[in-house]
Amino acid sequence: MNLPNKLTIFRIVLVPVLCLVWLFPYDQFGIAFDSLTIGGISVSYLNLIVMVIFAIASFTDYLDGNIARKNKIVTTFGKFADPIADKLLVNTMLIIMAYKHMIPLVCCIIMILRDIVVDGCRMIAAQKGVVVSAGLLGKLKTVLQMITIILILFNNIPFEIWNIPMDELLIWFTTFISMAGGYSYFMQVREYIFESM
């Protein structure tokens, strides 16, 4: 197994680790986390731990793709597993954040439904032997999701110090880009979807 695929698998493995670290019932075991204060804004050390794990996992997404393309070792497994790893990582974080009331539930639902629709479109296109690239909006969506999640985990610092709700603006902007990217993908394969109606 080559290095890019190992990094992809590592990213997938980090998903349950993130869930366990973030959702573990620490209070039942008498474990309490202190907070780091920056500019009068407090950030729980638990959030920081989750943020670091998520940032490492997100970086492997950038790393595995770059290594695969640079060394010309793009594999079928990589093409299959890489987008799944991305969606497992990001959507798990979105679900937990919605559960913890850190982001609007509607944003979480829209972005996950978008992924389901795109995956359906991708399967239909694949049956026709057509490969549709993710496109700029799809890539931008993933990058924005990762940046937004990290910013929310970091309690909107430094923007919170200046009273700028950048985390709220970004989550809604990311939702919009997600919808736009999903629509763009759908339009590329619509002829295959409706050809037998």
Foldseek 3Di string as FASTA:
>chain_A
DDDLVVLLVVLQVLLVVLVCLQVPPCVVVVDDFDWDADLNDTATVSLVVSLVSLVSSLVSLVVSVVVCVVVVPDDPVCVVRSVVSLCSSLLSLLVVCCVVVLAPPVLSVLLVVLVVLLVVLQVLCVVVVHHDDLDPLNVVLSVLSSVLSSCSSVVNPPVVSVPDVVSRVSSVVSSVSSVVSSVVSCVVRVCSVPVVD
